[in-house]
């Protein structure tokens, strides 16, 4: 038999039942991360474990492109296509693989002096470059800027190419954390920790690309990818002996 006075001091939430009766006590701080349940034929402890793993991004996505203005739509469009070709060529020469370049925008439209009077036409073409060698990031950015005044830098982001390893490690840590908590509560309750009854993954926070605005180009300092963290929360129910 587990005494309520002992469990109240060890668990944030306690429910006990004997022969259909239920008694409960609150330590003053209620939490659903640890729960001891004692019934006529069942004893369990439920805990939530958490694990986080940080990884260094190994990919940079550079969002760039060109923008031109001309008196006619056809002139603007043709000039944008020529400028985009120059930009693409410069990025390839800086080490970006052809398959890592894609068109991300293509637009053409009028500009007005006083609506509906058209003053000219604006054409833009966006290019996204995936840089897989971060040591070449500065060189790629500088190569884009050197193409000419038509070039626009619209920002960049960093990401982890394969987050599966980090996710697996975070799950390992979350489960180990859950077991540690369960062992502590079982010990404090004067019981032996038994087998796992159920496991449910509560939440997964995957690493997300870290975005930087176009203002990064104003500085000559090396581009820094920083760190990204993946987090896992798992709920585990153990039997108590």
C-alpha atoms as a PDB file:
ATOM      1  CA  UNK A   1       0.000   0.000   0.000  1.00  0.00           C
ATOM      2  CA  UNK A   2       1.267   3.493  -0.829  1.00  0.00           C
ATOM      3  CA  UNK A   3       0.664   6.136   1.768  1.00  0.00           C
ATOM      4  CA  UNK A   4      -0.795   9.386   0.488  1.00  0.00           C
ATOM      5  CA  UNK A   5       1.494  11.455   2.702  1.00  0.00           C
ATOM      6  CA  UNK A   6       4.494   9.875   1.002  1.00  0.00           C
ATOM      7  CA  UNK A   7       3.246  10.279  -2.555  1.00  0.00           C
ATOM      8  CA  UNK A   8       2.174  13.903  -2.124  1.00  0.00           C
ATOM      9  CA  UNK A   9       5.766  14.770  -1.375  1.00  0.00           C
ATOM     10  CA  UNK A  10       7.053  12.970  -4.442  1.00  0.00           C
ATOM     11  CA  UNK A  11       4.604  13.511  -7.303  1.00  0.00           C
ATOM     12  CA  UNK A  12       3.007  16.628  -8.677  1.00  0.00           C
ATOM     13  CA  UNK A  13      -0.342  14.836  -9.166  1.00  0.00           C
ATOM     14  CA  UNK A  14      -1.663  11.697  -7.387  1.00  0.00           C
ATOM     15  CA  UNK A  15      -4.770   9.594  -7.791  1.00  0.00           C
ATOM     16  CA  UNK A  16      -5.340   6.518  -5.629  1.00  0.00           C
ATOM     17  CA  UNK A  17      -8.232   4.061  -5.626  1.00  0.00           C
ATOM     18  CA  UNK A  18      -8.944   1.047  -3.491  1.00  0.00           C
ATOM     19  CA  UNK A  19     -12.013  -1.120  -3.907  1.00  0.00           C
ATOM     20  CA  UNK A  20     -13.581   1.434  -6.171  1.00  0.00           C
ATOM     21  CA  UNK A  21     -12.916   4.361  -3.833  1.00  0.00           C
ATOM     22  CA  UNK A  22     -10.825   7.346  -4.917  1.00  0.00           C
ATOM     23  CA  UNK A  23      -8.739   9.663  -2.808  1.00  0.00           C
ATOM     24  CA  UNK A  24      -6.608  12.506  -4.097  1.00  0.00           C
ATOM     25  CA  UNK A  25      -4.160  15.045  -2.762  1.00  0.00           C
ATOM     26  CA  UNK A  26      -2.469  18.058  -4.340  1.00  0.00           C
ATOM     27  CA  UNK A  27       0.994  19.226  -3.391  1.00  0.00           C
ATOM     28  CA  UNK A  28       0.124  22.780  -4.452  1.00  0.00           C
ATOM     29  CA  UNK A  29       1.854  22.693  -7.843  1.00  0.00           C
ATOM     30  CA  UNK A  30      -0.140  20.681 -10.372  1.00  0.00           C
ATOM     31  CA  UNK A  31       1.653  19.259 -13.404  1.00  0.00           C
ATOM     32  CA  UNK A  32       0.699  16.598 -15.933  1.00  0.00           C
ATOM     33  CA  UNK A  33       4.276  15.527 -16.575  1.00  0.00           C
ATOM     34  CA  UNK A  34       4.293  12.945 -13.752  1.00  0.00           C
ATOM     35  CA  UNK A  35       1.352  10.970 -12.445  1.00  0.00           C
ATOM     36  CA  UNK A  36       1.100   7.986 -10.119  1.00  0.00           C
ATOM     37  CA  UNK A  37      -2.076   5.913 -10.362  1.00  0.00           C
ATOM     38  CA  UNK A  38      -2.816   3.116  -7.901  1.00  0.00           C
ATOM     39  CA  UNK A  39      -5.925   1.009  -8.439  1.00  0.00           C
ATOM     40  CA  UNK A  40      -7.090  -2.335  -7.127  1.00  0.00           C
ATOM     41  CA  UNK A  41      -5.300  -4.331  -9.818  1.00  0.00           C
ATOM     42  CA  UNK A  42      -3.079  -1.767 -11.500  1.00  0.00           C
ATOM     43  CA  UNK A  43      -0.174   0.527 -10.647  1.00  0.00           C
ATOM     44  CA  UNK A  44       1.320   2.875 -13.208  1.00  0.00           C
ATOM     45  CA  UNK A  45       3.452   5.983 -13.491  1.00  0.00           C
ATOM     46  CA  UNK A  46       3.111   8.311 -16.495  1.00  0.00           C
ATOM     47  CA  UNK A  47       5.892  10.730 -17.364  1.00  0.00           C
ATOM     48  CA  UNK A  48       6.780  13.108 -20.184  1.00  0.00           C
ATOM     49  CA  UNK A  49      10.390  13.175 -21.315  1.00  0.00           C
ATOM     50  CA  UNK A  50      12.026  15.843 -23.437  1.00  0.00           C
ATOM     51  CA  UNK A  51      15.102  15.801 -25.639  1.00  0.00           C
ATOM     52  CA  UNK A  52      16.798  18.403 -27.831  1.00  0.00           C
ATOM     53  CA  UNK A  53      19.750  18.182 -30.209  1.00  0.00           C
ATOM     54  CA  UNK A  54      21.479  21.101 -31.931  1.00  0.00           C
ATOM     55  CA  UNK A  55      23.109  20.797 -35.336  1.00  0.00           C
ATOM     56  CA  UNK A  56      25.154  23.128 -37.499  1.00  0.00           C
ATOM     57  CA  UNK A  57      23.410  23.880 -40.827  1.00  0.00           C
ATOM     58  CA  UNK A  58      25.344  22.728 -43.875  1.00  0.00           C
ATOM     59  CA  UNK A  59      23.298  24.357 -46.649  1.00  0.00           C
ATOM     60  CA  UNK A  60      22.656  27.999 -47.549  1.00  0.00           C
ATOM     61  CA  UNK A  61      19.805  29.102 -49.800  1.00  0.00           C
ATOM     62  CA  UNK A  62      20.505  32.446 -51.434  1.00  0.00           C
ATOM     63  CA  UNK A  63      17.410  34.249 -52.695  1.00  0.00           C
ATOM     64  CA  UNK A  64      18.565  36.648 -55.380  1.00  0.00           C
ATOM     65  CA  UNK A  65      17.429  37.913 -58.770  1.00  0.00           C
ATOM     66  CA  UNK A  66      17.369  40.824 -61.208  1.00  0.00           C
ATOM     67  CA  UNK A  67      15.068  43.774 -61.766  1.00  0.00           C
ATOM     68  CA  UNK A  68      15.006  46.180 -64.731  1.00  0.00           C
ATOM     69  CA  UNK A  69      12.843  49.032 -66.026  1.00  0.00           C
ATOM     70  CA  UNK A  70      12.299  50.079 -69.652  1.00  0.00           C
ATOM     71  CA  UNK A  71       9.888  52.143 -71.710  1.00  0.00           C
ATOM     72  CA  UNK A  72       8.235  49.094 -73.282  1.00  0.00           C
ATOM     73  CA  UNK A  73       7.199  45.760 -71.843  1.00  0.00           C
ATOM     74  CA  UNK A  74       9.165  43.784 -74.424  1.00  0.00           C
ATOM     75  CA  UNK A  75      12.350  45.723 -73.708  1.00  0.00           C
ATOM     76  CA  UNK A  76      11.976  45.257 -69.965  1.00  0.00           C
ATOM     77  CA  UNK A  77      11.312  41.534 -70.295  1.00  0.00           C
ATOM     78  CA  UNK A  78      14.218  40.969 -72.687  1.00  0.00           C
ATOM     79  CA  UNK A  79      16.605  42.916 -70.473  1.00  0.00           C
ATOM     80  CA  UNK A  80      15.537  40.951 -67.399  1.00  0.00           C
ATOM     81  CA  UNK A  81      16.139  37.668 -69.197  1.00  0.00           C
ATOM     82  CA  UNK A  82      19.628  38.771 -70.267  1.00  0.00           C
ATOM     83  CA  UNK A  83      20.493  39.952 -66.747  1.00  0.00           C
ATOM     84  CA  UNK A  84      19.174  36.732 -65.205  1.00  0.00           C
ATOM     85  CA  UNK A  85      21.334  34.697 -67.580  1.00  0.00           C
ATOM     86  CA  UNK A  86      24.399  36.692 -66.493  1.00  0.00           C
ATOM     87  CA  UNK A  87      23.517  36.160 -62.840  1.00  0.00           C
ATOM     88  CA  UNK A  88      23.035  32.437 -63.325  1.00  0.00           C
ATOM     89  CA  UNK A  89      26.359  32.164 -65.143  1.00  0.00           C
ATOM     90  CA  UNK A  90      28.145  34.069 -62.364  1.00  0.00           C
ATOM     91  CA  UNK A  91      26.653  31.795 -59.702  1.00  0.00           C
ATOM     92  CA  UNK A  92      27.787  28.697 -61.588  1.00  0.00           C
ATOM     93  CA  UNK A  93      31.295  30.115 -61.953  1.00  0.00           C
ATOM     94  CA  UNK A  94      31.315  30.729 -58.187  1.00  0.00           C
ATOM     95  CA  UNK A  95      30.750  27.024 -57.584  1.00  0.00           C
ATOM     96  CA  UNK A  96      26.949  26.566 -57.499  1.00  0.00           C
ATOM     97  CA  UNK A  97      25.891  23.427 -59.356  1.00  0.00           C
ATOM     98  CA  UNK A  98      23.444  23.814 -62.244  1.00  0.00           C
ATOM     99  CA  UNK A  99      20.910  21.545 -60.528  1.00  0.00           C
ATOM    100  CA  UNK A 100      21.063  23.809 -57.451  1.00  0.00           C
ATOM    101  CA  UNK A 101      19.799  26.842 -59.382  1.00  0.00           C
ATOM    102  CA  UNK A 102      16.116  27.493 -60.004  1.00  0.00           C
ATOM    103  CA  UNK A 103      13.894  30.348 -61.146  1.00  0.00           C
ATOM    104  CA  UNK A 104      11.894  31.550 -58.156  1.00  0.00           C
ATOM    105  CA  UNK A 105      10.066  34.516 -59.713  1.00  0.00           C
ATOM    106  CA  UNK A 106       9.150  35.904 -63.123  1.00  0.00           C
ATOM    107  CA  UNK A 107       7.135  39.109 -63.310  1.00  0.00           C
ATOM    108  CA  UNK A 108       6.363  41.923 -65.733  1.00  0.00           C
ATOM    109  CA  UNK A 109       4.094  44.884 -65.174  1.00  0.00           C
ATOM    110  CA  UNK A 110       3.511  48.585 -65.816  1.00  0.00           C
ATOM    111  CA  UNK A 111       4.587  51.442 -63.586  1.00  0.00           C
ATOM    112  CA  UNK A 112       2.473  54.569 -63.462  1.00  0.00           C
ATOM    113  CA  UNK A 113       3.436  58.204 -63.372  1.00  0.00           C
ATOM    114  CA  UNK A 114      -0.140  59.202 -62.671  1.00  0.00           C
ATOM    115  CA  UNK A 115      -2.653  56.393 -63.052  1.00  0.00           C
ATOM    116  CA  UNK A 116      -3.616  55.421 -65.700  1.00  0.00           C
ATOM    117  CA  UNK A 117      -0.635  57.019 -67.457  1.00  0.00           C
ATOM    118  CA  UNK A 118       2.130  54.411 -67.814  1.00  0.00           C
ATOM    119  CA  UNK A 119       5.670  55.662 -67.227  1.00  0.00           C
ATOM    120  CA  UNK A 120       7.403  52.393 -68.050  1.00  0.00           C
ATOM    121  CA  UNK A 121       7.535  48.679 -67.385  1.00  0.00           C
ATOM    122  CA  UNK A 122       9.242  46.697 -64.653  1.00  0.00           C
ATOM    123  CA  UNK A 123      10.437  43.139 -65.200  1.00  0.00           C
ATOM    124  CA  UNK A 124      11.965  40.875 -62.565  1.00  0.00           C
ATOM    125  CA  UNK A 125      13.299  37.354 -62.451  1.00  0.00           C
ATOM    126  CA  UNK A 126      14.259  35.641 -59.231  1.00  0.00           C
ATOM    127  CA  UNK A 127      16.987  33.032 -58.871  1.00  0.00           C
ATOM    128  CA  UNK A 128      17.426  30.738 -55.876  1.00  0.00           C
ATOM    129  CA  UNK A 129      20.860  29.241 -55.391  1.00  0.00           C
ATOM    130  CA  UNK A 130      21.567  26.325 -53.065  1.00  0.00           C
ATOM    131  CA  UNK A 131      25.104  26.564 -51.716  1.00  0.00           C
ATOM    132  CA  UNK A 132      26.311  23.214 -50.346  1.00  0.00           C
ATOM    133  CA  UNK A 133      29.821  24.348 -49.477  1.00  0.00           C
ATOM    134  CA  UNK A 134      29.373  27.010 -46.799  1.00  0.00           C
ATOM    135  CA  UNK A 135      33.012  28.025 -47.068  1.00  0.00           C
ATOM    136  CA  UNK A 136      32.162  29.416 -50.494  1.00  0.00           C
ATOM    137  CA  UNK A 137      29.116  31.391 -49.260  1.00  0.00           C
ATOM    138  CA  UNK A 138      30.856  34.772 -49.261  1.00  0.00           C
ATOM    139  CA  UNK A 139      32.318  34.128 -52.696  1.00  0.00           C
ATOM    140  CA  UNK A 140      28.900  33.226 -54.120  1.00  0.00           C
ATOM    141  CA  UNK A 141      27.284  36.361 -52.679  1.00  0.00           C
ATOM    142  CA  UNK A 142      30.053  38.596 -53.986  1.00  0.00           C
ATOM    143  CA  UNK A 143      29.821  36.984 -57.444  1.00  0.00           C
ATOM    144  CA  UNK A 144      26.097  37.767 -57.565  1.00  0.00           C
ATOM    145  CA  UNK A 145      26.577  41.388 -56.536  1.00  0.00           C
ATOM    146  CA  UNK A 146      29.330  41.870 -59.129  1.00  0.00           C
ATOM    147  CA  UNK A 147      26.926  41.115 -61.996  1.00  0.00           C
ATOM    148  CA  UNK A 148      25.592  44.664 -61.959  1.00  0.00           C
ATOM    149  CA  UNK A 149      23.060  47.129 -60.638  1.00  0.00           C
ATOM    150  CA  UNK A 150      20.149  44.996 -61.866  1.00  0.00           C
ATOM    151  CA  UNK A 151      20.895  42.390 -59.190  1.00  0.00           C
ATOM    152  CA  UNK A 152      18.733  42.196 -56.066  1.00  0.00           C
ATOM    153  CA  UNK A 153      19.630  40.272 -52.911  1.00  0.00           C
ATOM    154  CA  UNK A 154      16.405  39.291 -51.182  1.00  0.00           C
ATOM    155  CA  UNK A 155      17.807  37.336 -48.259  1.00  0.00           C
ATOM    156  CA  UNK A 156      19.146  33.915 -47.385  1.00  0.00           C
ATOM    157  CA  UNK A 157      18.418  30.997 -45.098  1.00  0.00           C
ATOM    158  CA  UNK A 158      20.377  28.114 -43.598  1.00  0.00           C
ATOM    159  CA  UNK A 159      19.201  24.559 -43.096  1.00  0.00           C
ATOM    160  CA  UNK A 160      20.385  21.070 -42.210  1.00  0.00           C
ATOM    161  CA  UNK A 161      20.422  18.827 -45.271  1.00  0.00           C
ATOM    162  CA  UNK A 162      19.628  15.652 -43.303  1.00  0.00           C
ATOM    163  CA  UNK A 163      17.908  16.148 -39.943  1.00  0.00           C
ATOM    164  CA  UNK A 164      17.107  12.458 -39.421  1.00  0.00           C
ATOM    165  CA  UNK A 165      20.191  11.821 -37.314  1.00  0.00           C
ATOM    166  CA  UNK A 166      19.424  14.740 -35.014  1.00  0.00           C
ATOM    167  CA  UNK A 167      15.782  13.658 -34.723  1.00  0.00           C
ATOM    168  CA  UNK A 168      16.806  10.112 -33.777  1.00  0.00           C
ATOM    169  CA  UNK A 169      19.213  11.436 -31.149  1.00  0.00           C
ATOM    170  CA  UNK A 170      16.533  13.755 -29.741  1.00  0.00           C
ATOM    171  CA  UNK A 171      14.120  10.802 -29.420  1.00  0.00           C
ATOM    172  CA  UNK A 172      16.807   8.825 -27.579  1.00  0.00           C
ATOM    173  CA  UNK A 173      17.315  11.698 -25.156  1.00  0.00           C
ATOM    174  CA  UNK A 174      13.567  12.184 -24.645  1.00  0.00           C
ATOM    175  CA  UNK A 175      13.025   8.507 -23.843  1.00  0.00           C
ATOM    176  CA  UNK A 176      16.033   8.442 -21.489  1.00  0.00           C
ATOM    177  CA  UNK A 177      14.665  11.549 -19.764  1.00  0.00           C
ATOM    178  CA  UNK A 178      11.275   9.890 -19.347  1.00  0.00           C
ATOM    179  CA  UNK A 179      12.821   6.780 -17.815  1.00  0.00           C
ATOM    180  CA  UNK A 180      14.933   8.833 -15.412  1.00  0.00           C
ATOM    181  CA  UNK A 181      11.862  10.687 -14.214  1.00  0.00           C
ATOM    182  CA  UNK A 182       9.857   7.476 -13.899  1.00  0.00           C
ATOM    183  CA  UNK A 183      12.607   5.771 -11.895  1.00  0.00           C
ATOM    184  CA  UNK A 184      12.754   8.715  -9.514  1.00  0.00           C
ATOM    185  CA  UNK A 185       9.007   8.745  -8.913  1.00  0.00           C
ATOM    186  CA  UNK A 186       8.883   4.983  -8.480  1.00  0.00           C
ATOM    187  CA  UNK A 187      11.715   5.138  -5.947  1.00  0.00           C
ATOM    188  CA  UNK A 188      10.120   7.992  -4.048  1.00  0.00           C
ATOM    189  CA  UNK A 189       6.867   6.040  -3.961  1.00  0.00           C
ATOM    190  CA  UNK A 190       8.630   2.976  -2.612  1.00  0.00           C
ATOM    191  CA  UNK A 191       7.930   0.906  -5.716  1.00  0.00           C
ATOM    192  CA  UNK A 192       9.929  -0.848  -8.432  1.00  0.00           C
ATOM    193  CA  UNK A 193       9.722   0.479 -11.985  1.00  0.00           C
ATOM    194  CA  UNK A 194       8.197  -2.129 -14.275  1.00  0.00           C
ATOM    195  CA  UNK A 195       7.852  -2.573 -18.011  1.00  0.00           C
ATOM    196  CA  UNK A 196       6.756   0.069 -20.504  1.00  0.00           C
ATOM    197  CA  UNK A 197       2.984  -0.013 -21.026  1.00  0.00           C
ATOM    198  CA  UNK A 198       2.550   2.662 -23.703  1.00  0.00           C
ATOM    199  CA  UNK A 199       4.681   5.203 -25.576  1.00  0.00           C
ATOM    200  CA  UNK A 200       3.296   8.218 -27.432  1.00  0.00           C
ATOM    201  CA  UNK A 201       5.231  10.992 -29.136  1.00  0.00           C
ATOM    202  CA  UNK A 202       3.703  14.230 -27.908  1.00  0.00           C
ATOM    203  CA  UNK A 203       5.446  16.732 -30.164  1.00  0.00           C
ATOM    204  CA  UNK A 204       8.344  17.164 -32.562  1.00  0.00           C
ATOM    205  CA  UNK A 205       9.863  20.550 -33.326  1.00  0.00           C
ATOM    206  CA  UNK A 206      11.961  20.084 -36.470  1.00  0.00           C
ATOM    207  CA  UNK A 207      14.882  22.355 -37.296  1.00  0.00           C
ATOM    208  CA  UNK A 208      13.686  25.320 -39.308  1.00  0.00           C
ATOM    209  CA  UNK A 209      15.654  27.401 -41.787  1.00  0.00           C
ATOM    210  CA  UNK A 210      17.167  30.499 -40.203  1.00  0.00           C
ATOM    211  CA  UNK A 211      16.349  33.436 -42.469  1.00  0.00           C
ATOM    212  CA  UNK A 212      18.363  36.594 -42.869  1.00  0.00           C
ATOM    213  CA  UNK A 213      17.222  39.729 -44.633  1.00  0.00           C
ATOM    214  CA  UNK A 214      18.932  41.402 -47.531  1.00  0.00           C
ATOM    215  CA  UNK A 215      20.821  43.699 -45.149  1.00  0.00           C
ATOM    216  CA  UNK A 216      23.524  41.071 -44.669  1.00  0.00           C
ATOM    217  CA  UNK A 217      25.171  42.247 -47.909  1.00  0.00           C
ATOM    218  CA  UNK A 218      26.149  45.555 -46.357  1.00  0.00           C
ATOM    219  CA  UNK A 219      28.725  43.841 -44.145  1.00  0.00           C
ATOM    220  CA  UNK A 220      31.906  42.152 -45.257  1.00  0.00           C
ATOM    221  CA  UNK A 221      32.010  39.760 -42.306  1.00  0.00           C
ATOM    222  CA  UNK A 222      31.750  36.075 -43.085  1.00  0.00           C
ATOM    223  CA  UNK A 223      28.230  34.665 -43.245  1.00  0.00           C
ATOM    224  CA  UNK A 224      27.472  32.572 -40.142  1.00  0.00           C
ATOM    225  CA  UNK A 225      24.953  29.682 -40.204  1.00  0.00           C
ATOM    226  CA  UNK A 226      24.637  29.396 -36.419  1.00  0.00           C
ATOM    227  CA  UNK A 227      22.863  26.367 -34.918  1.00  0.00           C
ATOM    228  CA  UNK A 228      19.456  24.751 -35.333  1.00  0.00           C
ATOM    229  CA  UNK A 229      17.696  22.645 -32.717  1.00  0.00           C
ATOM    230  CA  UNK A 230      15.278  19.748 -33.082  1.00  0.00           C
ATOM    231  CA  UNK A 231      13.169  18.889 -30.005  1.00  0.00           C
ATOM    232  CA  UNK A 232      11.048  15.865 -29.123  1.00  0.00           C
ATOM    233  CA  UNK A 233       8.550  15.297 -26.317  1.00  0.00           C
ATOM    234  CA  UNK A 234       7.439  11.750 -25.493  1.00  0.00           C
ATOM    235  CA  UNK A 235       4.866  10.435 -22.998  1.00  0.00           C
ATOM    236  CA  UNK A 236       5.643   7.028 -21.498  1.00  0.00           C
ATOM    237  CA  UNK A 237       3.525   4.897 -19.169  1.00  0.00           C
ATOM    238  CA  UNK A 238       5.373   2.409 -16.952  1.00  0.00           C
ATOM    239  CA  UNK A 239       4.011  -0.300 -14.733  1.00  0.00           C
ATOM    240  CA  UNK A 240       4.946  -0.258 -11.060  1.00  0.00           C
ATOM    241  CA  UNK A 241       5.988  -3.373  -9.193  1.00  0.00           C
END
